[in-house]
């Protein structure tokens, strides 16, 4: 692979790419928005402004690989790291997810009766042409693919 910045050292990206290194930061504990330290080890290595890999490692599961998520900004990386320190749990099964919206979507699909009692499923959209119900993004796609040119 040709190198764009030959004068800088290289750092591996994922498993098969390399990019020149221009920013490096490491930390073993990170402070969350509530002021507490999250457990785990993470590091940031960036080759340019749009490359911020997570590399978070769970101290409770040392055999699991590091997180491979790559974010385009520091802010997106910060928000992504919150997913490691604040996982959400489903109240009806052992499913965990990064955020409340992910849990709500899981409940609506896998626990519809319980979800409707909680009011999770209230934001369903309806196709104006045939009445099909679903999430807004799915109904948008449904209209585009099933009712081409009718709206």
N, C-alpha and C. Protein backbone atom coordinates (compact mmCIF):
# COMPACT_ATOMS: atom_id res chain seq x y z
N UNK A 1 0.84 -1.17 0.00
CA UNK A 1 0.00 0.00 0.00
C UNK A 1 0.89 1.24 0.00
N UNK A 2 0.69 2.21 -0.91
CA UNK A 2 1.52 3.41 -0.92
C UNK A 2 1.21 4.27 0.30
N UNK A 3 2.23 4.97 0.81
CA UNK A 3 2.06 5.79 1.99
C UNK A 3 1.95 7.25 1.59
N UNK A 4 0.95 7.93 2.15
CA UNK A 4 0.76 9.34 1.84
C UNK A 4 1.73 10.23 2.61
N UNK A 5 2.08 9.81 3.83
CA UNK A 5 2.94 10.61 4.68
C UNK A 5 4.14 9.76 5.09
N UNK A 6 5.11 9.63 4.21
CA UNK A 6 6.24 8.74 4.45
C UNK A 6 7.13 9.17 5.61
N UNK A 7 7.09 10.43 6.01
CA UNK A 7 7.99 10.90 7.05
C UNK A 7 7.51 10.56 8.46
N UNK A 8 6.28 10.05 8.61
CA UNK A 8 5.74 9.76 9.93
C UNK A 8 5.73 8.26 10.18
N UNK A 9 5.87 7.82 11.46
CA UNK A 9 5.78 6.40 11.76
C UNK A 9 4.37 5.88 11.49
N UNK A 10 4.23 4.59 11.35
CA UNK A 10 2.94 4.00 11.03
C UNK A 10 2.34 3.31 12.24
N UNK A 11 1.01 3.23 12.22
CA UNK A 11 0.27 2.51 13.25
C UNK A 11 -0.72 1.60 12.53
N UNK A 12 -0.88 0.36 12.96
CA UNK A 12 -1.83 -0.52 12.29
C UNK A 12 -3.26 -0.09 12.54
N UNK A 13 -4.10 -0.23 11.52
CA UNK A 13 -5.52 0.04 11.62
C UNK A 13 -6.23 -1.26 11.33
N UNK A 14 -7.15 -1.62 12.21
CA UNK A 14 -7.86 -2.89 12.12
C UNK A 14 -6.83 -3.99 11.98
N UNK A 15 -7.04 -4.91 11.04
CA UNK A 15 -6.10 -6.02 10.95
C UNK A 15 -5.25 -5.98 9.69
N UNK A 16 -5.60 -5.16 8.71
CA UNK A 16 -4.88 -5.22 7.45
C UNK A 16 -4.51 -3.87 6.86
N UNK A 17 -4.71 -2.77 7.57
CA UNK A 17 -4.35 -1.46 7.06
C UNK A 17 -3.32 -0.81 7.97
N UNK A 18 -2.52 0.06 7.40
CA UNK A 18 -1.64 0.88 8.22
C UNK A 18 -1.79 2.33 7.79
N UNK A 19 -1.67 3.22 8.76
CA UNK A 19 -1.76 4.65 8.47
C UNK A 19 -0.69 5.36 9.28
N UNK A 20 -0.22 6.52 8.82
CA UNK A 20 0.79 7.27 9.56
C UNK A 20 0.23 7.78 10.89
N UNK A 21 1.07 7.81 11.90
CA UNK A 21 0.66 8.22 13.23
C UNK A 21 0.99 9.69 13.46
N UNK A 22 -0.01 10.47 13.89
CA UNK A 22 0.27 11.86 14.22
C UNK A 22 -0.32 12.26 15.56
N UNK A 23 -1.17 11.44 16.16
CA UNK A 23 -1.76 11.75 17.46
C UNK A 23 -1.81 10.49 18.28
N UNK A 24 -1.44 10.56 19.53
CA UNK A 24 -1.51 9.39 20.39
C UNK A 24 -1.88 9.81 21.79
N UNK A 25 -2.81 9.06 22.41
CA UNK A 25 -3.24 9.34 23.77
C UNK A 25 -3.64 8.03 24.40
N UNK A 26 -3.26 7.78 25.63
CA UNK A 26 -3.63 6.56 26.32
C UNK A 26 -4.23 6.90 27.66
N UNK A 27 -5.13 6.04 28.14
CA UNK A 27 -5.66 6.20 29.47
C UNK A 27 -6.11 4.86 29.99
N UNK A 28 -6.09 4.69 31.31
CA UNK A 28 -6.52 3.44 31.90
C UNK A 28 -7.84 3.60 32.61
N UNK A 29 -8.26 4.80 32.87
CA UNK A 29 -9.54 5.05 33.50
C UNK A 29 -10.09 6.31 32.88
N UNK A 30 -11.41 6.34 32.66
CA UNK A 30 -11.96 7.54 32.08
C UNK A 30 -13.08 8.05 32.96
N UNK A 31 -13.26 9.35 33.00
CA UNK A 31 -14.28 9.94 33.83
C UNK A 31 -15.55 10.09 33.01
N UNK A 32 -16.67 9.62 33.57
CA UNK A 32 -17.95 9.71 32.90
C UNK A 32 -18.59 11.05 33.24
N UNK A 33 -19.73 11.37 32.61
CA UNK A 33 -20.36 12.67 32.81
C UNK A 33 -20.87 12.85 34.23
N UNK A 34 -21.07 11.77 34.99
CA UNK A 34 -21.51 11.92 36.37
C UNK A 34 -20.33 12.08 37.33
N UNK A 35 -19.10 12.13 36.79
CA UNK A 35 -17.93 12.37 37.60
C UNK A 35 -17.24 11.12 38.11
N UNK A 36 -17.84 9.96 37.89
CA UNK A 36 -17.21 8.73 38.37
C UNK A 36 -16.26 8.18 37.33
N UNK A 37 -15.29 7.40 37.77
CA UNK A 37 -14.36 6.77 36.85
C UNK A 37 -14.96 5.47 36.35
N UNK A 38 -14.87 5.24 35.04
CA UNK A 38 -15.32 3.97 34.50
C UNK A 38 -14.15 3.01 34.53
N UNK A 39 -14.46 1.74 34.67
CA UNK A 39 -13.40 0.75 34.67
C UNK A 39 -13.05 0.40 33.25
N UNK A 40 -11.91 -0.16 33.07
CA UNK A 40 -11.51 -0.60 31.74
C UNK A 40 -10.29 0.15 31.28
N UNK A 41 -9.76 -0.35 30.24
CA UNK A 41 -8.56 0.24 29.69
C UNK A 41 -8.88 0.67 28.28
N UNK A 42 -8.44 1.85 27.91
CA UNK A 42 -8.70 2.30 26.55
C UNK A 42 -7.54 3.16 26.10
N UNK A 43 -7.45 3.32 24.81
CA UNK A 43 -6.44 4.21 24.27
C UNK A 43 -6.96 4.81 22.98
N UNK A 44 -6.47 5.97 22.64
CA UNK A 44 -6.83 6.63 21.40
C UNK A 44 -5.57 6.79 20.60
N UNK A 45 -5.63 6.38 19.35
CA UNK A 45 -4.51 6.59 18.45
C UNK A 45 -5.10 7.15 17.17
N UNK A 46 -4.70 8.32 16.78
CA UNK A 46 -5.28 8.93 15.60
C UNK A 46 -4.19 9.31 14.61
N UNK A 47 -4.49 9.10 13.33
CA UNK A 47 -3.54 9.47 12.30
C UNK A 47 -3.89 10.81 11.69
N UNK A 48 -5.12 11.18 11.81
CA UNK A 48 -5.56 12.49 11.36
C UNK A 48 -6.86 12.81 12.07
N UNK A 49 -7.44 13.95 11.80
CA UNK A 49 -8.60 14.39 12.57
C UNK A 49 -9.81 13.47 12.46
N UNK A 50 -9.89 12.66 11.41
CA UNK A 50 -11.08 11.83 11.23
C UNK A 50 -10.83 10.36 11.54
N UNK A 51 -9.89 10.06 12.42
CA UNK A 51 -9.60 8.68 12.75
C UNK A 51 -9.37 8.55 14.25
N UNK A 52 -10.36 8.07 14.98
CA UNK A 52 -10.26 7.91 16.43
C UNK A 52 -10.77 6.53 16.82
N UNK A 53 -9.88 5.53 16.90
CA UNK A 53 -10.32 4.19 17.30
C UNK A 53 -10.51 4.11 18.81
N UNK A 54 -11.38 3.24 19.25
CA UNK A 54 -11.70 3.12 20.67
C UNK A 54 -10.67 2.30 21.44
N UNK A 55 -10.42 1.08 21.05
CA UNK A 55 -9.48 0.17 21.71
C UNK A 55 -9.80 -0.10 23.17
N UNK A 56 -11.07 0.01 23.58
CA UNK A 56 -11.44 -0.25 24.97
C UNK A 56 -11.37 -1.74 25.25
N UNK A 57 -10.89 -2.11 26.42
CA UNK A 57 -10.77 -3.52 26.81
C UNK A 57 -11.47 -3.70 28.15
N UNK A 58 -12.34 -4.70 28.23
CA UNK A 58 -13.10 -4.98 29.45
C UNK A 58 -12.21 -5.70 30.46
N UNK A 59 -11.98 -5.11 31.63
CA UNK A 59 -11.12 -5.75 32.62
C UNK A 59 -11.73 -7.01 33.21
N UNK A 60 -13.07 -7.12 33.15
CA UNK A 60 -13.75 -8.30 33.70
C UNK A 60 -13.69 -9.48 32.74
N UNK A 61 -13.42 -9.22 31.48
CA UNK A 61 -13.35 -10.26 30.45
C UNK A 61 -12.03 -10.13 29.70
N UNK A 62 -10.91 -10.50 30.31
CA UNK A 62 -9.60 -10.29 29.67
C UNK A 62 -9.38 -11.09 28.40
N UNK A 63 -10.17 -12.14 28.18
CA UNK A 63 -10.00 -12.95 26.97
C UNK A 63 -10.73 -12.37 25.76
N UNK A 64 -11.60 -11.41 25.98
CA UNK A 64 -12.31 -10.78 24.87
C UNK A 64 -11.38 -9.77 24.18
N UNK A 65 -11.54 -9.60 22.86
CA UNK A 65 -10.68 -8.64 22.14
C UNK A 65 -11.05 -7.20 22.48
N UNK A 66 -10.15 -6.28 22.15
CA UNK A 66 -10.41 -4.85 22.33
C UNK A 66 -11.52 -4.42 21.37
N UNK A 67 -12.19 -3.35 21.72
CA UNK A 67 -13.21 -2.77 20.85
C UNK A 67 -12.54 -2.29 19.56
N UNK A 68 -13.16 -2.55 18.43
CA UNK A 68 -12.59 -2.18 17.13
C UNK A 68 -13.28 -0.96 16.50
N UNK A 69 -14.17 -0.30 17.24
CA UNK A 69 -14.91 0.84 16.71
C UNK A 69 -13.96 1.99 16.37
N UNK A 70 -14.16 2.60 15.21
CA UNK A 70 -13.39 3.76 14.78
C UNK A 70 -14.37 4.92 14.58
N UNK A 71 -14.13 6.03 15.24
CA UNK A 71 -15.01 7.18 15.17
C UNK A 71 -14.37 8.29 14.35
N UNK A 72 -15.20 9.13 13.76
CA UNK A 72 -14.68 10.19 12.90
C UNK A 72 -14.34 11.46 13.67
N UNK A 73 -14.84 11.61 14.89
CA UNK A 73 -14.52 12.79 15.69
C UNK A 73 -14.28 12.37 17.14
N UNK A 74 -13.62 13.25 17.89
CA UNK A 74 -13.40 12.97 19.32
C UNK A 74 -14.73 12.89 20.07
N UNK A 75 -15.68 13.73 19.70
CA UNK A 75 -16.98 13.74 20.37
C UNK A 75 -17.72 12.42 20.14
N UNK A 76 -17.68 11.90 18.91
CA UNK A 76 -18.32 10.61 18.64
C UNK A 76 -17.63 9.50 19.42
N UNK A 77 -16.31 9.59 19.55
CA UNK A 77 -15.58 8.60 20.34
C UNK A 77 -15.98 8.69 21.81
N UNK A 78 -16.12 9.91 22.33
CA UNK A 78 -16.53 10.09 23.73
C UNK A 78 -17.91 9.46 23.97
N UNK A 79 -18.85 9.72 23.05
CA UNK A 79 -20.19 9.14 23.19
C UNK A 79 -20.15 7.63 23.06
N UNK A 80 -19.34 7.13 22.14
CA UNK A 80 -19.21 5.68 21.98
C UNK A 80 -18.68 5.03 23.25
N UNK A 81 -17.69 5.65 23.86
CA UNK A 81 -17.10 5.07 25.08
C UNK A 81 -18.09 4.99 26.23
N UNK A 82 -19.10 5.86 26.24
CA UNK A 82 -20.13 5.77 27.26
C UNK A 82 -20.88 4.44 27.16
N UNK A 83 -20.93 3.89 25.96
CA UNK A 83 -21.59 2.60 25.77
C UNK A 83 -20.87 1.50 26.52
N UNK A 84 -19.55 1.63 26.66
CA UNK A 84 -18.80 0.63 27.41
C UNK A 84 -19.00 0.79 28.91
N UNK A 85 -19.14 2.01 29.36
CA UNK A 85 -19.21 2.25 30.80
C UNK A 85 -20.63 2.27 31.35
N UNK A 86 -21.62 2.40 30.49
CA UNK A 86 -23.01 2.47 30.95
C UNK A 86 -23.93 1.58 30.12
N UNK A 87 -23.76 0.28 30.13
CA UNK A 87 -24.66 -0.56 29.35
C UNK A 87 -26.06 -0.59 29.95
N UNK A 88 -27.06 -0.73 29.11
CA UNK A 88 -28.45 -0.80 29.54
C UNK A 88 -28.90 -2.26 29.46
N UNK A 89 -29.75 -2.68 30.38
CA UNK A 89 -30.23 -4.06 30.42
C UNK A 89 -31.72 -4.12 30.15
N UNK A 90 -32.15 -5.16 29.44
CA UNK A 90 -33.56 -5.43 29.24
C UNK A 90 -34.12 -5.95 30.56
N UNK A 91 -35.30 -5.48 30.93
CA UNK A 91 -35.92 -5.92 32.18
C UNK A 91 -36.58 -7.29 32.07
N UNK A 92 -36.67 -7.84 30.85
CA UNK A 92 -37.37 -9.10 30.64
C UNK A 92 -36.46 -10.26 30.24
N UNK A 93 -35.22 -9.96 29.85
CA UNK A 93 -34.28 -11.02 29.49
C UNK A 93 -32.86 -10.52 29.77
N UNK A 94 -31.87 -11.29 29.39
CA UNK A 94 -30.49 -10.90 29.70
C UNK A 94 -29.83 -10.06 28.61
N UNK A 95 -30.60 -9.53 27.67
CA UNK A 95 -30.08 -8.69 26.60
C UNK A 95 -29.56 -7.37 27.18
N UNK A 96 -28.40 -6.94 26.70
CA UNK A 96 -27.86 -5.63 27.07
C UNK A 96 -27.57 -4.84 25.80
N UNK A 97 -27.65 -3.54 25.90
CA UNK A 97 -27.39 -2.67 24.75
C UNK A 97 -26.73 -1.39 25.25
N UNK A 98 -26.28 -0.61 24.30
CA UNK A 98 -25.53 0.60 24.62
C UNK A 98 -26.43 1.71 25.16
N UNK A 99 -27.63 1.82 24.65
CA UNK A 99 -28.46 2.95 25.04
C UNK A 99 -29.92 2.59 25.21
N UNK A 100 -30.67 3.52 25.77
CA UNK A 100 -32.09 3.31 26.03
C UNK A 100 -32.87 3.06 24.75
N UNK A 101 -32.56 3.77 23.68
CA UNK A 101 -33.28 3.57 22.42
C UNK A 101 -33.10 2.16 21.89
N UNK A 102 -31.88 1.62 22.05
CA UNK A 102 -31.62 0.25 21.61
C UNK A 102 -32.43 -0.74 22.43
N UNK A 103 -32.53 -0.50 23.73
CA UNK A 103 -33.33 -1.38 24.60
C UNK A 103 -34.81 -1.26 24.25
N UNK A 104 -35.29 -0.04 24.02
CA UNK A 104 -36.69 0.15 23.64
C UNK A 104 -37.02 -0.59 22.35
N UNK A 105 -36.13 -0.52 21.37
CA UNK A 105 -36.34 -1.22 20.10
C UNK A 105 -36.37 -2.73 20.33
N UNK A 106 -35.44 -3.23 21.16
CA UNK A 106 -35.39 -4.65 21.48
C UNK A 106 -36.70 -5.09 22.15
N UNK A 107 -37.17 -4.31 23.12
CA UNK A 107 -38.41 -4.66 23.83
C UNK A 107 -39.60 -4.68 22.87
N UNK A 108 -39.67 -3.69 21.97
CA UNK A 108 -40.78 -3.62 21.03
C UNK A 108 -40.82 -4.84 20.13
N UNK A 109 -39.65 -5.37 19.76
CA UNK A 109 -39.59 -6.52 18.86
C UNK A 109 -39.75 -7.84 19.61
N UNK A 110 -39.03 -8.00 20.72
CA UNK A 110 -38.97 -9.29 21.40
C UNK A 110 -39.92 -9.43 22.58
N UNK A 111 -40.41 -8.34 23.12
CA UNK A 111 -41.34 -8.37 24.25
C UNK A 111 -42.47 -7.38 23.98
N UNK A 112 -43.24 -7.57 22.89
CA UNK A 112 -44.22 -6.55 22.49
C UNK A 112 -45.32 -6.30 23.52
N UNK A 113 -45.80 -7.34 24.21
CA UNK A 113 -46.86 -7.13 25.19
C UNK A 113 -46.37 -6.28 26.36
N UNK A 114 -45.21 -6.62 26.88
CA UNK A 114 -44.64 -5.86 27.99
C UNK A 114 -44.27 -4.45 27.55
N UNK A 115 -43.76 -4.33 26.34
CA UNK A 115 -43.34 -3.03 25.83
C UNK A 115 -44.54 -2.09 25.68
N UNK A 116 -45.67 -2.62 25.21
CA UNK A 116 -46.84 -1.76 25.04
C UNK A 116 -47.37 -1.29 26.40
N UNK A 117 -47.23 -2.14 27.44
CA UNK A 117 -47.63 -1.72 28.79
C UNK A 117 -46.74 -0.60 29.30
N UNK A 118 -45.47 -0.62 28.91
CA UNK A 118 -44.53 0.44 29.31
C UNK A 118 -44.67 1.68 28.44
N UNK A 119 -45.40 1.58 27.34
CA UNK A 119 -45.54 2.70 26.43
C UNK A 119 -44.39 2.83 25.45
N UNK A 120 -43.60 1.77 25.30
CA UNK A 120 -42.44 1.80 24.40
C UNK A 120 -42.89 1.85 22.95
N UNK A 121 -43.96 1.16 22.62
CA UNK A 121 -44.38 1.00 21.23
C UNK A 121 -45.30 2.12 20.74
N UNK A 122 -45.48 3.19 21.50
CA UNK A 122 -46.43 4.23 21.15
C UNK A 122 -46.06 5.02 19.90
N UNK A 123 -44.79 5.06 19.56
CA UNK A 123 -44.35 5.92 18.46
C UNK A 123 -44.33 5.20 17.12
N UNK A 124 -45.22 4.26 16.90
CA UNK A 124 -45.27 3.57 15.61
C UNK A 124 -45.80 4.51 14.54
N UNK A 125 -45.27 4.34 13.35
CA UNK A 125 -45.76 5.08 12.20
C UNK A 125 -46.68 4.18 11.40
N UNK A 126 -47.53 4.81 10.59
CA UNK A 126 -48.50 4.06 9.79
C UNK A 126 -48.37 4.51 8.34
N UNK A 127 -48.34 3.54 7.43
CA UNK A 127 -48.31 3.86 6.00
C UNK A 127 -49.66 4.45 5.61
N UNK A 128 -49.69 5.64 5.01
CA UNK A 128 -50.96 6.26 4.63
C UNK A 128 -51.65 5.56 3.46
N UNK A 129 -50.94 4.70 2.74
CA UNK A 129 -51.51 4.04 1.58
C UNK A 129 -52.12 2.67 1.89
N UNK A 130 -51.51 1.93 2.81
CA UNK A 130 -52.03 0.58 3.08
C UNK A 130 -52.25 0.29 4.56
N UNK A 131 -51.82 1.20 5.44
CA UNK A 131 -52.06 1.01 6.86
C UNK A 131 -51.02 0.17 7.60
N UNK A 132 -49.97 -0.26 6.92
CA UNK A 132 -48.94 -1.04 7.61
C UNK A 132 -48.30 -0.20 8.70
N UNK A 133 -48.03 -0.85 9.86
CA UNK A 133 -47.45 -0.15 11.00
C UNK A 133 -46.00 -0.58 11.20
N UNK A 134 -45.21 0.32 11.76
CA UNK A 134 -43.82 0.00 12.06
C UNK A 134 -43.05 1.24 12.48
N UNK A 135 -41.75 1.05 12.69
CA UNK A 135 -40.90 2.19 13.01
C UNK A 135 -40.88 3.16 11.84
N UNK A 136 -40.65 4.43 12.14
CA UNK A 136 -40.67 5.47 11.11
C UNK A 136 -39.74 5.16 9.95
N UNK A 137 -38.49 4.77 10.26
CA UNK A 137 -37.53 4.50 9.19
C UNK A 137 -37.96 3.31 8.33
N UNK A 138 -38.57 2.31 8.95
CA UNK A 138 -39.04 1.15 8.17
C UNK A 138 -40.25 1.50 7.31
N UNK A 139 -41.16 2.34 7.82
CA UNK A 139 -42.32 2.76 7.03
C UNK A 139 -41.87 3.64 5.86
N UNK A 140 -40.89 4.49 6.10
CA UNK A 140 -40.34 5.31 5.02
C UNK A 140 -39.81 4.42 3.89
N UNK A 141 -39.03 3.39 4.27
CA UNK A 141 -38.49 2.46 3.28
C UNK A 141 -39.62 1.67 2.62
N UNK A 142 -40.62 1.27 3.40
CA UNK A 142 -41.77 0.54 2.87
C UNK A 142 -42.47 1.35 1.78
N UNK A 143 -42.72 2.63 2.05
CA UNK A 143 -43.39 3.49 1.07
C UNK A 143 -42.54 3.63 -0.19
N UNK A 144 -41.25 3.83 -0.01
CA UNK A 144 -40.34 4.00 -1.14
C UNK A 144 -40.28 2.74 -2.01
N UNK A 145 -40.29 1.55 -1.40
CA UNK A 145 -40.12 0.31 -2.17
C UNK A 145 -41.44 -0.31 -2.62
N UNK A 146 -42.47 -0.23 -1.79
CA UNK A 146 -43.75 -0.89 -2.12
C UNK A 146 -44.71 0.00 -2.89
N UNK A 147 -44.63 1.29 -2.67
CA UNK A 147 -45.57 2.23 -3.28
C UNK A 147 -44.83 3.24 -4.13
N UNK A 148 -43.96 2.77 -5.00
CA UNK A 148 -43.12 3.66 -5.82
C UNK A 148 -43.96 4.66 -6.59
N UNK A 149 -43.69 5.95 -6.35
CA UNK A 149 -44.33 7.00 -7.12
C UNK A 149 -45.78 7.26 -6.79
N UNK A 150 -46.34 6.64 -5.77
CA UNK A 150 -47.76 6.85 -5.46
C UNK A 150 -47.99 7.99 -4.48
N UNK A 151 -46.92 8.50 -3.89
CA UNK A 151 -47.08 9.64 -2.97
C UNK A 151 -46.41 10.85 -3.57
